[in-house]
Amino acid sequence: MANAGEMVNVLLICGSGASSGFMAANIRKAAKKRNLNMDIKARGEAEIENYIHDIDALLVGPHLAYIMDDINELTKDTDVKVLLMKPSYYSTLDGEAALDDLLSELNS
C-alpha cells in the first residue's frame, strides 16, 4: 500500500453514480476517522477510462459484477487494484466494512 501520509486515490463506480456517492462519503468518513489520506470519488462506470491512470484502487458496485471482465481488461496494464464490493456492506452503505475490504486488497 502507499506509504504513510501518501495519498491513495480511489474511484468507486456504480451504474448511475447515485448510491456510490453515499458509499464514497461513508468510506471517506471512515478513512478520516483512521487518519488515512484517501481521495475517494464516485462516478458512473462509463467514466472509468477517464480516471484509470490517476487512481490506485477501483471499487466496483456488486451489481456491476457482469462487467468485471471489461474492467480487468481496462486495468491489466496498470497498478490499479480492482475490488468488487460485497453486497453485505454495499447494501447498507457501511463505509467501515468497505474500507476494511479495500485496505486488505491494497495490502495484498
N, C-alpha and C. Protein backbone atom coordinates (compact mmCIF):
# COMPACT_ATOMS: atom_id res chain seq x y z
N MET A 1 0.84 -1.19 0.00
CA MET A 1 0.00 0.00 0.00
C MET A 1 0.88 1.24 0.00
N ALA A 2 0.27 2.37 -0.23
CA ALA A 2 1.01 3.62 -0.23
C ALA A 2 1.66 3.83 1.13
N ASN A 3 2.76 4.54 1.13
CA ASN A 3 3.45 4.83 2.39
C ASN A 3 2.59 5.75 3.24
N ALA A 4 2.84 5.73 4.52
CA ALA A 4 2.08 6.57 5.45
C ALA A 4 2.12 8.01 4.96
N GLY A 5 0.97 8.63 4.94
CA GLY A 5 0.91 10.01 4.52
C GLY A 5 0.71 10.19 3.03
N GLU A 6 1.03 9.17 2.24
CA GLU A 6 0.86 9.28 0.80
C GLU A 6 -0.61 9.18 0.45
N MET A 7 -1.05 9.99 -0.50
CA MET A 7 -2.45 9.98 -0.91
C MET A 7 -2.77 8.71 -1.68
N VAL A 8 -3.88 8.07 -1.31
CA VAL A 8 -4.38 6.92 -2.05
C VAL A 8 -5.63 7.39 -2.80
N ASN A 9 -5.60 7.29 -4.12
CA ASN A 9 -6.72 7.73 -4.94
C ASN A 9 -7.60 6.55 -5.30
N VAL A 10 -8.88 6.67 -4.94
CA VAL A 10 -9.82 5.59 -5.13
C VAL A 10 -10.99 6.08 -5.99
N LEU A 11 -11.38 5.27 -6.95
CA LEU A 11 -12.57 5.54 -7.75
C LEU A 11 -13.59 4.47 -7.44
N LEU A 12 -14.78 4.89 -7.08
CA LEU A 12 -15.86 3.98 -6.76
C LEU A 12 -16.91 4.12 -7.86
N ILE A 13 -17.29 3.01 -8.48
CA ILE A 13 -18.26 3.11 -9.57
C ILE A 13 -19.50 2.26 -9.31
N CYS A 14 -20.61 2.78 -9.79
CA CYS A 14 -21.85 2.02 -9.83
C CYS A 14 -22.56 2.42 -11.11
N GLY A 15 -23.74 1.95 -11.32
CA GLY A 15 -24.44 2.23 -12.57
C GLY A 15 -24.61 3.71 -12.84
N SER A 16 -25.29 4.41 -11.97
CA SER A 16 -25.60 5.80 -12.22
C SER A 16 -24.73 6.76 -11.42
N GLY A 17 -24.13 6.28 -10.38
CA GLY A 17 -23.33 7.15 -9.51
C GLY A 17 -24.08 7.62 -8.28
N ALA A 18 -25.37 7.28 -8.17
CA ALA A 18 -26.16 7.77 -7.03
C ALA A 18 -25.79 7.07 -5.74
N SER A 19 -25.99 5.76 -5.65
CA SER A 19 -25.67 5.05 -4.40
C SER A 19 -24.18 5.09 -4.12
N SER A 20 -23.36 5.11 -5.16
CA SER A 20 -21.91 5.15 -4.93
C SER A 20 -21.49 6.46 -4.30
N GLY A 21 -22.23 7.53 -4.53
CA GLY A 21 -21.91 8.81 -3.90
C GLY A 21 -22.05 8.73 -2.39
N PHE A 22 -23.11 8.07 -1.92
CA PHE A 22 -23.30 7.87 -0.48
C PHE A 22 -22.22 6.94 0.07
N MET A 23 -21.93 5.87 -0.68
CA MET A 23 -20.91 4.91 -0.24
C MET A 23 -19.56 5.60 -0.13
N ALA A 24 -19.21 6.38 -1.15
CA ALA A 24 -17.92 7.08 -1.14
C ALA A 24 -17.83 8.02 0.06
N ALA A 25 -18.92 8.73 0.36
CA ALA A 25 -18.93 9.65 1.51
C ALA A 25 -18.69 8.88 2.80
N ASN A 26 -19.31 7.71 2.93
CA ASN A 26 -19.15 6.92 4.15
C ASN A 26 -17.74 6.34 4.27
N ILE A 27 -17.13 5.96 3.15
CA ILE A 27 -15.75 5.47 3.18
C ILE A 27 -14.82 6.64 3.53
N ARG A 28 -15.08 7.81 2.97
CA ARG A 28 -14.27 9.00 3.30
C ARG A 28 -14.31 9.26 4.80
N LYS A 29 -15.52 9.19 5.40
CA LYS A 29 -15.65 9.42 6.84
C LYS A 29 -14.84 8.38 7.62
N ALA A 30 -14.94 7.11 7.20
CA ALA A 30 -14.22 6.04 7.88
C ALA A 30 -12.71 6.25 7.76
N ALA A 31 -12.25 6.65 6.59
CA ALA A 31 -10.82 6.88 6.36
C ALA A 31 -10.32 8.06 7.20
N LYS A 32 -11.14 9.10 7.28
CA LYS A 32 -10.76 10.28 8.06
C LYS A 32 -10.62 9.92 9.54
N LYS A 33 -11.57 9.10 10.03
CA LYS A 33 -11.52 8.67 11.44
C LYS A 33 -10.23 7.93 11.74
N ARG A 34 -9.72 7.20 10.73
CA ARG A 34 -8.49 6.42 10.91
C ARG A 34 -7.25 7.20 10.47
N ASN A 35 -7.43 8.48 10.18
CA ASN A 35 -6.32 9.32 9.73
C ASN A 35 -5.63 8.78 8.49
N LEU A 36 -6.42 8.25 7.56
CA LEU A 36 -5.88 7.75 6.29
C LEU A 36 -6.03 8.85 5.23
N ASN A 37 -5.02 9.01 4.43
CA ASN A 37 -5.01 10.04 3.40
C ASN A 37 -5.58 9.44 2.10
N MET A 38 -6.89 9.57 1.93
CA MET A 38 -7.54 8.97 0.76
C MET A 38 -8.43 9.97 0.06
N ASP A 39 -8.38 9.92 -1.25
CA ASP A 39 -9.31 10.70 -2.07
C ASP A 39 -10.24 9.69 -2.72
N ILE A 40 -11.52 9.77 -2.44
CA ILE A 40 -12.47 8.79 -2.95
C ILE A 40 -13.52 9.50 -3.78
N LYS A 41 -13.53 9.18 -5.07
CA LYS A 41 -14.50 9.77 -5.98
C LYS A 41 -15.51 8.71 -6.39
N ALA A 42 -16.75 9.13 -6.60
CA ALA A 42 -17.79 8.23 -7.09
C ALA A 42 -18.22 8.68 -8.48
N ARG A 43 -18.26 7.74 -9.40
CA ARG A 43 -18.65 8.04 -10.77
C ARG A 43 -19.45 6.87 -11.34
N GLY A 44 -20.07 7.10 -12.48
CA GLY A 44 -20.72 6.03 -13.22
C GLY A 44 -19.67 5.21 -13.95
N GLU A 45 -19.99 3.96 -14.30
CA GLU A 45 -18.95 3.10 -14.88
C GLU A 45 -18.45 3.57 -16.23
N ALA A 46 -19.22 4.40 -16.93
CA ALA A 46 -18.79 4.90 -18.23
C ALA A 46 -17.55 5.80 -18.12
N GLU A 47 -17.25 6.26 -16.90
CA GLU A 47 -16.15 7.20 -16.72
C GLU A 47 -14.82 6.56 -16.29
N ILE A 48 -14.79 5.23 -16.17
CA ILE A 48 -13.57 4.56 -15.68
C ILE A 48 -12.34 4.99 -16.48
N GLU A 49 -12.46 4.97 -17.79
CA GLU A 49 -11.29 5.26 -18.64
C GLU A 49 -10.73 6.66 -18.39
N ASN A 50 -11.59 7.60 -17.99
CA ASN A 50 -11.12 8.97 -17.72
C ASN A 50 -10.22 9.04 -16.49
N TYR A 51 -10.33 8.05 -15.61
CA TYR A 51 -9.63 8.11 -14.32
C TYR A 51 -8.56 7.03 -14.15
N ILE A 52 -8.54 6.05 -15.01
CA ILE A 52 -7.75 4.83 -14.79
C ILE A 52 -6.27 5.11 -14.51
N HIS A 53 -5.72 6.17 -15.07
CA HIS A 53 -4.29 6.44 -14.87
C HIS A 53 -4.02 7.34 -13.67
N ASP A 54 -5.09 7.73 -12.97
CA ASP A 54 -4.94 8.64 -11.83
C ASP A 54 -5.32 7.99 -10.52
N ILE A 55 -5.64 6.70 -10.54
CA ILE A 55 -6.14 6.06 -9.31
C ILE A 55 -5.25 4.89 -8.90
N ASP A 56 -5.35 4.57 -7.61
CA ASP A 56 -4.64 3.42 -7.04
C ASP A 56 -5.57 2.23 -6.88
N ALA A 57 -6.86 2.52 -6.71
CA ALA A 57 -7.83 1.44 -6.50
C ALA A 57 -9.15 1.79 -7.16
N LEU A 58 -9.83 0.75 -7.61
CA LEU A 58 -11.13 0.89 -8.24
C LEU A 58 -12.11 -0.01 -7.49
N LEU A 59 -13.10 0.61 -6.87
CA LEU A 59 -14.15 -0.13 -6.16
C LEU A 59 -15.35 -0.23 -7.09
N VAL A 60 -15.84 -1.44 -7.27
CA VAL A 60 -16.93 -1.69 -8.21
C VAL A 60 -18.17 -2.14 -7.45
N GLY A 61 -19.30 -1.49 -7.72
CA GLY A 61 -20.56 -1.88 -7.08
C GLY A 61 -20.88 -3.33 -7.40
N PRO A 62 -21.42 -4.07 -6.43
CA PRO A 62 -21.66 -5.51 -6.62
C PRO A 62 -22.61 -5.82 -7.78
N HIS A 63 -23.49 -4.89 -8.10
CA HIS A 63 -24.43 -5.10 -9.20
C HIS A 63 -23.76 -4.96 -10.57
N LEU A 64 -22.47 -4.58 -10.58
CA LEU A 64 -21.73 -4.47 -11.84
C LEU A 64 -20.79 -5.65 -12.05
N ALA A 65 -21.01 -6.74 -11.32
CA ALA A 65 -20.14 -7.92 -11.47
C ALA A 65 -20.05 -8.37 -12.92
N TYR A 66 -21.11 -8.16 -13.68
CA TYR A 66 -21.15 -8.61 -15.08
C TYR A 66 -20.16 -7.87 -15.99
N ILE A 67 -19.61 -6.72 -15.56
CA ILE A 67 -18.63 -6.02 -16.39
C ILE A 67 -17.20 -6.18 -15.86
N MET A 68 -17.00 -7.08 -14.91
CA MET A 68 -15.66 -7.25 -14.34
C MET A 68 -14.63 -7.65 -15.38
N ASP A 69 -15.01 -8.47 -16.36
CA ASP A 69 -14.05 -8.84 -17.41
C ASP A 69 -13.58 -7.61 -18.16
N ASP A 70 -14.52 -6.71 -18.48
CA ASP A 70 -14.15 -5.48 -19.18
C ASP A 70 -13.25 -4.60 -18.32
N ILE A 71 -13.58 -4.52 -17.04
CA ILE A 71 -12.78 -3.71 -16.12
C ILE A 71 -11.37 -4.29 -15.97
N ASN A 72 -11.28 -5.60 -15.84
CA ASN A 72 -9.95 -6.23 -15.72
C ASN A 72 -9.13 -6.02 -16.99
N GLU A 73 -9.80 -6.01 -18.12
CA GLU A 73 -9.11 -5.73 -19.39
C GLU A 73 -8.58 -4.30 -19.40
N LEU A 74 -9.39 -3.37 -18.93
CA LEU A 74 -9.00 -1.95 -18.88
C LEU A 74 -7.82 -1.71 -17.94
N THR A 75 -7.77 -2.46 -16.85
CA THR A 75 -6.77 -2.20 -15.82
C THR A 75 -5.56 -3.12 -15.89
N LYS A 76 -5.53 -4.05 -16.84
CA LYS A 76 -4.48 -5.07 -16.83
C LYS A 76 -3.07 -4.51 -16.97
N ASP A 77 -2.89 -3.39 -17.63
CA ASP A 77 -1.56 -2.82 -17.79
C ASP A 77 -1.29 -1.69 -16.80
N THR A 78 -2.04 -1.66 -15.72
CA THR A 78 -1.88 -0.62 -14.71
C THR A 78 -1.59 -1.26 -13.36
N ASP A 79 -1.30 -0.44 -12.37
CA ASP A 79 -1.09 -0.93 -10.99
C ASP A 79 -2.36 -0.80 -10.17
N VAL A 80 -3.48 -0.52 -10.82
CA VAL A 80 -4.74 -0.31 -10.12
C VAL A 80 -5.25 -1.61 -9.50
N LYS A 81 -5.55 -1.56 -8.21
CA LYS A 81 -6.18 -2.70 -7.52
C LYS A 81 -7.68 -2.60 -7.77
N VAL A 82 -8.27 -3.69 -8.23
CA VAL A 82 -9.70 -3.70 -8.52
C VAL A 82 -10.41 -4.56 -7.48
N LEU A 83 -11.46 -4.00 -6.91
CA LEU A 83 -12.19 -4.73 -5.87
C LEU A 83 -13.69 -4.68 -6.16
N LEU A 84 -14.28 -5.85 -6.33
CA LEU A 84 -15.74 -5.94 -6.45
C LEU A 84 -16.29 -5.90 -5.03
N MET A 85 -17.03 -4.85 -4.73
CA MET A 85 -17.52 -4.68 -3.36
C MET A 85 -18.56 -5.76 -3.02
N LYS A 86 -18.62 -6.08 -1.74
CA LYS A 86 -19.54 -7.12 -1.28
C LYS A 86 -20.94 -6.52 -1.05
N PRO A 87 -21.97 -7.25 -1.48
CA PRO A 87 -23.34 -6.76 -1.26
C PRO A 87 -23.63 -6.52 0.22
N SER A 88 -22.99 -7.29 1.10
CA SER A 88 -23.28 -7.18 2.54
C SER A 88 -23.04 -5.77 3.06
N TYR A 89 -21.97 -5.11 2.64
CA TYR A 89 -21.74 -3.75 3.13
C TYR A 89 -22.21 -2.70 2.13
N TYR A 90 -22.26 -3.03 0.86
CA TYR A 90 -22.71 -2.05 -0.13
C TYR A 90 -24.18 -1.71 0.09
N SER A 91 -24.98 -2.73 0.35
CA SER A 91 -26.43 -2.52 0.50
C SER A 91 -26.76 -1.68 1.73
N THR A 92 -25.89 -1.71 2.74
CA THR A 92 -26.13 -0.92 3.95
C THR A 92 -25.27 0.34 3.97
N LEU A 93 -24.49 0.56 2.88
CA LEU A 93 -23.60 1.72 2.77
C LEU A 93 -22.64 1.80 3.96
N ASP A 94 -22.13 0.64 4.37
CA ASP A 94 -21.23 0.54 5.52
C ASP A 94 -19.80 0.90 5.10
N GLY A 95 -19.45 2.17 5.32
CA GLY A 95 -18.14 2.66 4.92
C GLY A 95 -16.99 2.00 5.66
N GLU A 96 -17.21 1.65 6.93
CA GLU A 96 -16.16 1.00 7.72
C GLU A 96 -15.80 -0.37 7.12
N ALA A 97 -16.83 -1.17 6.82
CA ALA A 97 -16.59 -2.50 6.25
C ALA A 97 -15.99 -2.40 4.86
N ALA A 98 -16.44 -1.43 4.08
CA ALA A 98 -15.90 -1.24 2.74
C ALA A 98 -14.42 -0.85 2.82
N LEU A 99 -14.10 0.03 3.78
CA LEU A 99 -12.71 0.46 3.96
C LEU A 99 -11.84 -0.72 4.39
N ASP A 100 -12.34 -1.55 5.29
CA ASP A 100 -11.59 -2.74 5.71
C ASP A 100 -11.27 -3.62 4.50
N ASP A 101 -12.28 -3.84 3.66
CA ASP A 101 -12.12 -4.66 2.46
C ASP A 101 -11.10 -4.03 1.52
N LEU A 102 -11.19 -2.73 1.32
CA LEU A 102 -10.27 -2.01 0.45
C LEU A 102 -8.83 -2.09 0.98
N LEU A 103 -8.67 -1.87 2.28
CA LEU A 103 -7.31 -1.91 2.86
C LEU A 103 -6.69 -3.29 2.74
N SER A 104 -7.49 -4.34 2.92
CA SER A 104 -6.92 -5.69 2.80
C SER A 104 -6.52 -5.94 1.35
N GLU A 105 -7.26 -5.41 0.40
CA GLU A 105 -6.91 -5.54 -1.02
C GLU A 105 -5.64 -4.76 -1.33
N LEU A 106 -5.54 -3.54 -0.83
CA LEU A 106 -4.36 -2.70 -1.09
C LEU A 106 -3.11 -3.31 -0.47
N ASN A 107 -3.26 -4.00 0.63
CA ASN A 107 -2.11 -4.59 1.33
C ASN A 107 -1.74 -5.97 0.84
N SER A 108 -2.54 -6.52 -0.08
CA SER A 108 -2.27 -7.90 -0.53
C SER A 108 -1.24 -7.91 -1.64
